[in-house]
Protein backbone atom coordinates (compact mmCIF):
# COMPACT_ATOMS: atom_id res chain seq x y z
CA MET A 1 0.02 -0.07 -0.33
CA LYS A 2 1.87 2.89 -1.13
CA LEU A 3 0.94 6.28 0.44
CA PRO A 4 3.29 9.86 -0.12
CA ASN A 5 2.92 12.74 2.05
CA LEU A 6 2.94 11.14 5.65
CA TRP A 7 5.51 11.96 8.56
CA LEU A 8 6.75 9.86 11.30
CA ILE A 9 8.23 12.87 14.10
CA GLY A 10 10.36 11.28 16.52
CA SER A 11 13.59 9.04 15.66
CA GLY A 12 13.72 7.40 19.49
CA SER A 13 12.53 3.37 20.00
CA MET A 14 8.88 4.16 19.64
CA GLY A 15 9.88 5.22 16.53
CA GLU A 16 11.18 2.82 15.77
CA ASP A 17 8.24 0.85 16.22
CA TYR A 18 6.11 2.89 14.31
CA ALA A 19 8.85 2.45 11.00
CA LYS A 20 9.01 -1.65 11.43
CA VAL A 21 4.92 -1.02 11.45
CA LEU A 22 4.47 1.64 7.96
CA LYS A 23 7.74 -0.16 5.74
CA SER A 24 5.90 -3.76 6.23
CA MET A 25 3.02 -2.15 5.27
CA ASP A 26 4.42 -0.58 1.93
CA VAL A 27 3.87 2.24 2.98
CA SER A 28 5.76 5.56 2.25
CA PHE A 29 7.06 7.53 4.63
CA ARG A 30 9.59 10.66 6.11
CA VAL A 31 11.02 10.36 9.02
CA VAL A 32 12.21 13.99 11.22
CA GLY A 33 14.26 13.39 14.04
CA ARG A 34 16.09 16.40 16.47
CA GLY A 35 19.33 14.63 17.76
CA ASN A 36 22.45 12.84 15.63
CA LYS A 37 22.95 10.19 18.22
CA SER A 38 19.99 8.45 17.96
CA SER A 39 19.22 9.60 14.54
CA SER A 40 21.89 7.71 13.26
CA THR A 41 20.47 4.96 15.64
CA PHE A 42 17.47 4.73 14.00
CA THR A 43 19.07 4.63 10.85
CA LYS A 44 20.85 2.29 11.83
CA ASN A 45 18.44 0.04 13.66
CA THR A 46 15.54 0.46 10.66
CA GLY A 47 17.76 0.94 7.60
CA VAL A 48 15.18 4.29 6.96
CA GLU A 49 17.48 7.67 6.26
CA VAL A 50 16.50 11.14 9.07
CA ILE A 51 15.89 14.21 8.51
CA ARG A 52 17.43 15.66 11.19
CA GLY A 53 16.90 19.79 13.04
CA GLY A 54 13.56 18.86 13.99
CA ILE A 55 10.67 19.06 12.92
CA ASP A 56 11.08 23.72 12.22
CA ASN A 57 13.99 22.50 10.15
CA ALA A 58 12.01 19.52 8.72
CA LEU A 59 9.43 22.62 7.64
CA SER A 60 12.01 24.86 5.83
CA ILE A 61 12.66 21.97 3.56
CA TYR A 62 8.97 20.33 2.58
CA LYS A 63 5.68 21.34 2.44
CA CYS A 64 4.02 20.30 5.94
CA PRO A 65 2.26 16.43 4.69
CA ASN A 66 -1.60 15.65 4.73
CA LEU A 67 -0.75 12.92 7.70
CA ALA A 68 1.87 13.20 10.70
CA ILE A 69 2.75 10.69 13.35
CA VAL A 70 4.06 12.16 16.53
CA ALA A 71 5.97 9.92 18.19
CA VAL A 72 8.32 11.45 20.46
CA ASP A 73 9.12 13.16 24.62
CA VAL A 74 5.29 13.46 26.39
CA ASP A 75 6.18 16.50 26.80
CA GLN A 76 7.26 17.67 23.41
CA LEU A 77 3.99 16.40 22.00
CA ALA A 78 1.70 19.49 22.27
CA VAL A 79 3.98 21.68 21.20
CA THR A 80 4.77 19.61 18.16
CA THR A 81 0.88 19.03 17.45
CA GLU A 82 0.41 22.69 17.38
CA ARG A 83 3.01 22.69 15.21
CA LEU A 84 2.07 20.96 12.21
CA ILE A 85 -1.55 21.54 13.02
CA ASN A 86 -0.93 25.05 12.18
CA GLU A 87 1.30 24.02 9.35
CA GLY A 88 -2.47 22.82 7.43
CA CYS A 89 -1.73 19.27 8.59
CA LYS A 90 -4.98 17.40 8.25
CA SER A 91 -4.47 14.26 9.82
CA ILE A 92 -2.51 13.56 12.77
CA LEU A 93 -1.47 10.42 15.69
CA VAL A 94 -0.12 11.06 18.41
CA GLU A 95 1.33 9.37 21.32
CA LYS A 96 -0.28 9.31 24.13
CA PRO A 97 -1.18 11.39 26.59
CA GLY A 98 -1.47 13.56 23.62
CA GLY A 99 -0.63 16.29 25.67
CA LEU A 100 1.19 16.41 29.51
CA THR A 101 -1.49 18.65 31.36
CA LEU A 102 -4.78 18.57 30.48
CA SER A 103 -4.42 22.90 29.26
CA GLU A 104 -1.96 21.42 27.07
CA ILE A 105 -4.63 18.31 25.36
CA SER A 106 -7.72 20.48 25.76
CA LYS A 107 -6.26 23.28 23.94
CA ILE A 108 -5.28 20.91 21.54
CA ALA A 109 -9.73 19.63 20.97
CA HIS A 110 -9.37 23.68 20.42
CA LEU A 111 -6.70 23.77 17.37
CA SER A 112 -7.72 20.40 16.33
CA GLU A 113 -12.28 21.31 15.54
CA LYS A 114 -10.87 24.89 14.41
CA SER A 115 -8.87 23.66 11.77
CA CYS A 116 -11.05 20.71 10.28
CA CYS A 117 -7.69 19.02 11.42
CA ARG A 118 -8.46 15.77 12.80
CA VAL A 119 -6.01 14.50 15.84
CA PHE A 120 -5.76 10.71 17.94
CA VAL A 121 -4.54 10.05 20.53
CA ALA A 122 -2.55 7.12 20.26
CA TYR A 123 -3.60 4.21 22.87
CA ASN A 124 -2.05 1.12 21.27
CA ARG A 125 -3.97 -1.30 23.77
CA ARG A 126 -7.66 -0.57 22.41
CA PHE A 127 -6.31 -3.18 19.34
CA TYR A 128 -4.47 -5.83 21.46
CA SER A 129 -5.16 -8.78 19.98
CA SER A 130 -6.33 -10.21 23.85
CA ILE A 131 -8.58 -6.98 23.70
CA LEU A 132 -10.28 -8.39 20.17
CA LYS A 133 -11.22 -11.19 21.85
CA LEU A 134 -11.97 -9.90 24.44
CA LYS A 135 -14.54 -7.71 22.81
CA GLU A 136 -15.83 -11.30 21.34
CA LEU A 137 -16.47 -12.99 23.69
CA ALA A 138 -18.40 -10.40 26.03
CA LEU A 139 -19.94 -10.57 23.02
CA SER A 140 -21.64 -13.59 23.24
CA GLU A 141 -21.87 -13.34 26.49
CA GLY A 142 -24.10 -10.42 26.11
CA GLY A 143 -22.23 -8.30 27.40
CA ILE A 144 -19.53 -6.50 30.27
CA CYS A 145 -21.63 -6.00 33.95
CA SER A 146 -19.11 -5.12 36.21
CA ALA A 147 -15.24 -4.13 35.54
CA THR A 148 -12.07 -3.86 38.61
CA ILE A 149 -8.70 -2.05 37.36
CA GLU A 150 -5.29 -1.75 38.54
CA PHE A 151 -2.88 0.33 37.79
CA THR A 152 -0.33 0.78 40.47
CA GLU A 153 3.00 1.89 39.42
CA TRP A 154 6.37 0.53 40.53
CA SER A 155 7.67 3.60 43.09
CA ASN A 156 11.54 2.49 42.52
CA ILE A 157 11.32 2.63 39.08
CA VAL A 158 9.93 5.12 37.29
CA SER A 159 11.93 7.37 40.27
CA ALA A 160 15.24 5.90 39.03
CA GLN A 161 13.91 6.92 35.19
CA ASP A 162 16.20 9.78 33.35
CA THR A 163 12.28 11.63 33.12
CA SER A 164 12.26 15.37 33.68
CA ASP A 165 9.86 15.90 37.58
CA LYS A 166 7.16 17.62 35.24
CA ILE A 167 6.65 14.67 33.94
CA LYS A 168 6.87 12.53 36.89
CA GLU A 169 4.12 14.85 37.97
CA ASN A 170 1.44 13.65 36.11
CA TRP A 171 2.13 10.27 35.86
CA ILE A 172 -1.00 9.15 36.01
CA LEU A 173 -1.91 11.54 32.79
CA ALA A 174 1.43 10.56 31.19
CA ASN A 175 1.35 6.42 31.54
CA SER A 176 -0.94 5.55 33.69
CA SER A 177 -3.98 6.40 31.95
CA HIS A 178 -2.71 3.74 29.12
CA VAL A 179 -4.69 1.40 31.01
CA LEU A 180 -6.92 3.19 32.24
CA ASP A 181 -8.29 4.65 28.74
CA LEU A 182 -8.57 0.95 28.11
CA ALA A 183 -10.82 -0.25 30.87
CA PHE A 184 -13.38 2.85 29.81
CA ASN A 185 -12.64 2.53 25.90
CA LEU A 186 -15.26 -0.90 27.14
CA ILE A 187 -17.25 0.19 29.65
CA GLY A 188 -17.51 3.50 28.65
CA LEU A 189 -16.71 6.97 30.55
CA PRO A 190 -17.05 7.32 34.52
CA ALA A 191 -21.17 9.25 34.91
CA GLU A 192 -20.81 12.55 35.72
CA GLU A 193 -22.03 13.19 39.83
CA ASP A 194 -22.02 8.88 39.43
CA TRP A 195 -18.73 8.15 41.00
CA ASN A 196 -16.22 8.99 43.55
CA ALA A 197 -12.03 9.23 44.05
CA TRP A 198 -9.99 9.13 47.19
CA VAL A 199 -6.29 9.99 47.05
CA ARG A 200 -3.66 9.76 49.66
CA GLY A 201 0.20 9.58 50.75
CA SER A 202 3.00 11.21 48.87
CA LEU A 203 5.57 9.88 46.67
CA GLY A 204 9.40 12.49 46.07
CA TRP A 205 8.42 12.37 42.82
CA HIS A 206 4.86 12.39 42.78
CA LYS A 207 3.47 14.72 45.72
CA ARG A 208 0.10 15.05 45.25
CA GLY A 209 -0.78 10.70 45.76
CA ALA A 210 0.55 7.01 46.16
CA GLN A 211 -2.84 5.19 47.10
CA PHE A 212 -6.17 5.98 43.97
CA CYS A 213 -9.07 4.61 44.77
CA GLY A 214 -12.26 4.65 43.48
CA ALA A 215 -15.96 3.48 41.90
CA GLY A 216 -19.05 3.86 40.42
CA VAL A 217 -21.50 3.38 36.71
CA SER A 218 -20.58 4.61 34.06
CA GLU A 219 -22.28 5.73 31.10
CA GLN A 220 -23.76 2.74 29.74
CA GLY A 221 -24.68 1.32 33.90
CA ILE A 222 -21.63 -0.57 34.49
CA LEU A 223 -19.71 -1.06 37.98
CA PHE A 224 -16.75 0.04 37.77
CA SER A 225 -14.05 -0.06 40.76
CA TYR A 226 -10.57 1.00 40.29
CA HIS A 227 -7.41 1.15 42.21
CA ALA A 228 -3.32 1.55 42.77
CA ASP A 229 -0.72 1.46 45.45
CA TRP A 230 2.58 3.18 44.29
CA ASP A 231 4.09 2.81 47.43
CA SER A 232 3.64 -1.18 47.65
CA ALA A 233 3.33 -3.85 45.28
CA GLY A 234 1.17 -4.45 41.86
CA ARG A 235 0.69 -4.32 37.86
CA TRP A 236 -1.71 -2.99 35.69
CA GLY A 237 -4.68 -5.20 35.32
CA LEU A 238 -8.11 -5.88 34.09
CA ASP A 239 -10.55 -8.20 35.45
CA ILE A 240 -13.44 -7.59 32.87
CA TYR A 241 -17.40 -9.32 34.23
CA THR A 242 -20.15 -11.00 32.25
CA LYS A 243 -23.05 -12.92 33.01
CA SER A 244 -20.59 -16.42 32.56
CA SER A 245 -17.25 -15.45 33.22
CA GLN A 246 -14.44 -13.68 34.36
CA TYR A 247 -11.37 -12.43 31.90
CA ILE A 248 -9.04 -12.06 33.77
CA LEU A 249 -6.25 -9.88 31.56
CA ARG A 250 -2.95 -9.83 33.79
CA PRO A 251 -0.86 -8.73 31.87
CA LEU A 252 -2.72 -6.88 29.54
CA GLU A 253 -1.76 -8.65 26.29
CA LYS A 254 -3.01 -13.01 28.19
CA LEU A 255 -5.81 -12.98 28.38
CA GLN A 256 -7.63 -15.96 31.21
CA ARG A 257 -11.22 -16.53 31.82
CA VAL A 258 -12.99 -18.41 35.11
CA ALA A 259 -16.26 -19.72 34.59
CA LYS A 260 -19.11 -19.55 36.51
CA ASP A 261 -19.74 -21.33 39.21
CA THR A 262 -15.95 -22.45 39.87
CA ILE A 263 -12.60 -21.39 40.19
CA GLU A 264 -10.24 -23.09 37.91
CA ILE A 265 -8.41 -20.31 35.61
CA GLU A 266 -8.46 -21.23 32.08
CA GLU A 267 -6.28 -19.39 28.91
CA VAL A 268 -8.19 -18.19 26.52
CA GLU A 269 -6.35 -18.91 22.71
CA PHE A 270 -6.20 -16.19 20.17
CA ASP A 271 -4.75 -15.41 17.32
CA MET A 272 -1.33 -13.29 18.42
CA ASP A 273 1.00 -13.72 15.04
CA LEU A 274 0.37 -9.50 14.51
CA ASP A 275 1.70 -8.82 18.47
CA LEU A 276 4.17 -11.19 18.67
CA ARG A 277 5.63 -9.30 14.76
CA PHE A 278 4.77 -5.95 16.17
CA LYS A 279 5.09 -3.98 18.94
CA PRO A 280 0.65 -5.62 20.25
CA GLY A 281 -1.77 -3.61 19.23
CA LEU A 282 0.67 -1.10 17.02
CA PHE A 283 -0.05 -3.15 13.49
CA LEU A 284 -3.51 -2.71 13.86
CA GLN A 285 -3.33 0.97 14.87
CA CYS A 286 -2.07 2.33 12.21
CA LYS A 287 -4.05 0.19 9.66
CA ALA A 288 -6.73 2.22 11.36
CA PHE A 289 -5.25 5.87 11.41
CA ILE A 290 -4.15 5.73 7.72
CA GLY A 291 -6.79 3.56 6.72
CA ALA A 292 -9.50 6.19 7.35
CA ASP A 293 -11.42 3.31 10.25
CA TYR A 294 -11.45 6.31 13.48
CA GLY A 295 -14.03 3.74 15.49
CA GLN A 296 -10.84 3.07 17.80
CA LEU A 297 -8.57 5.27 17.97
CA CYS A 298 -9.12 8.37 20.74
CA THR A 299 -10.14 11.01 19.23
CA ILE A 300 -8.83 14.19 21.26
CA SER A 301 -12.01 15.45 21.92
CA ARG A 302 -12.30 12.75 23.74
CA GLN A 303 -8.98 12.79 26.07
CA ALA A 304 -9.44 16.28 26.82
CA GLU A 305 -12.82 14.77 28.08
CA LEU A 306 -10.50 11.90 30.35
CA ALA A 307 -7.97 13.69 31.19
CA GLU A 308 -10.88 15.79 32.94
CA ILE A 309 -11.30 11.98 34.84
CA TYR A 310 -7.29 11.23 35.40
CA SER A 311 -7.92 14.63 36.70
CA LYS A 312 -9.69 13.58 39.23
CA ILE A 313 -8.66 9.91 39.85
CA ALA A 314 -5.39 11.75 40.01
CA GLY A 315 -6.03 14.13 42.78
CA TYR A 316 -4.90 17.02 40.47
């Protein structure tokens, strides 16, 4: 599939993952990077040359593309997307969470609507093979009845990361939103005024909270609860309940089932070929974006709604 006038912005490891997918799809694209070191590594690993000097240099040489994938650092997502919108780009897939703060995301949502530019936030977990199989099974069993969500982060690991303090202080939006987005995409957004959130504790790198707990009803009438203790042990995970089964996603790439009136945990088999060949979920996400099949993509306006919910969950 040939498609000219597509730019991939970002020559880091995430950019490499996108390049691998785009090459396999036989899509024509240009790569824009900033640093010489990352650009050289990118070319060595992918065989694709990089336009160095960042987006400003690229736009001084070439006309703005119609489509773009933005895979830069979290604190550069909003400013890069804004530049592309202002230059006339018409369709953008920006890495999650689309901006570092609610205000950045809301600004991009406003610009997107004003400029008639489609902007989508790249939550690739929506396209995991395990999630597609879960949806199929839940539908056959009458739909989802309830859900529990865990988004515990490993505090010592995050603290030691070479990541800016500003990103760490917004970690629920910058990172934990991956699993929260997945959950709310399955069950619907929390119904306004029909859910509660509690935040306790503090960490050196995340002063506004360490323990997070909440519960409520989604707009689809589905009961949900969530929990995370960043000062203890745990991991990301989802438990999805139908009238016939409990489905366990822990890790999210894996699907297990407990049948009603039993305690036996069984593995659910499904086709994992794409998730083994590429970063899980990325191939189908790119296929949806490039093929203008937007139904399962997260729009920037939806992300602005979600960012308000994440801020309440986080106590921001």
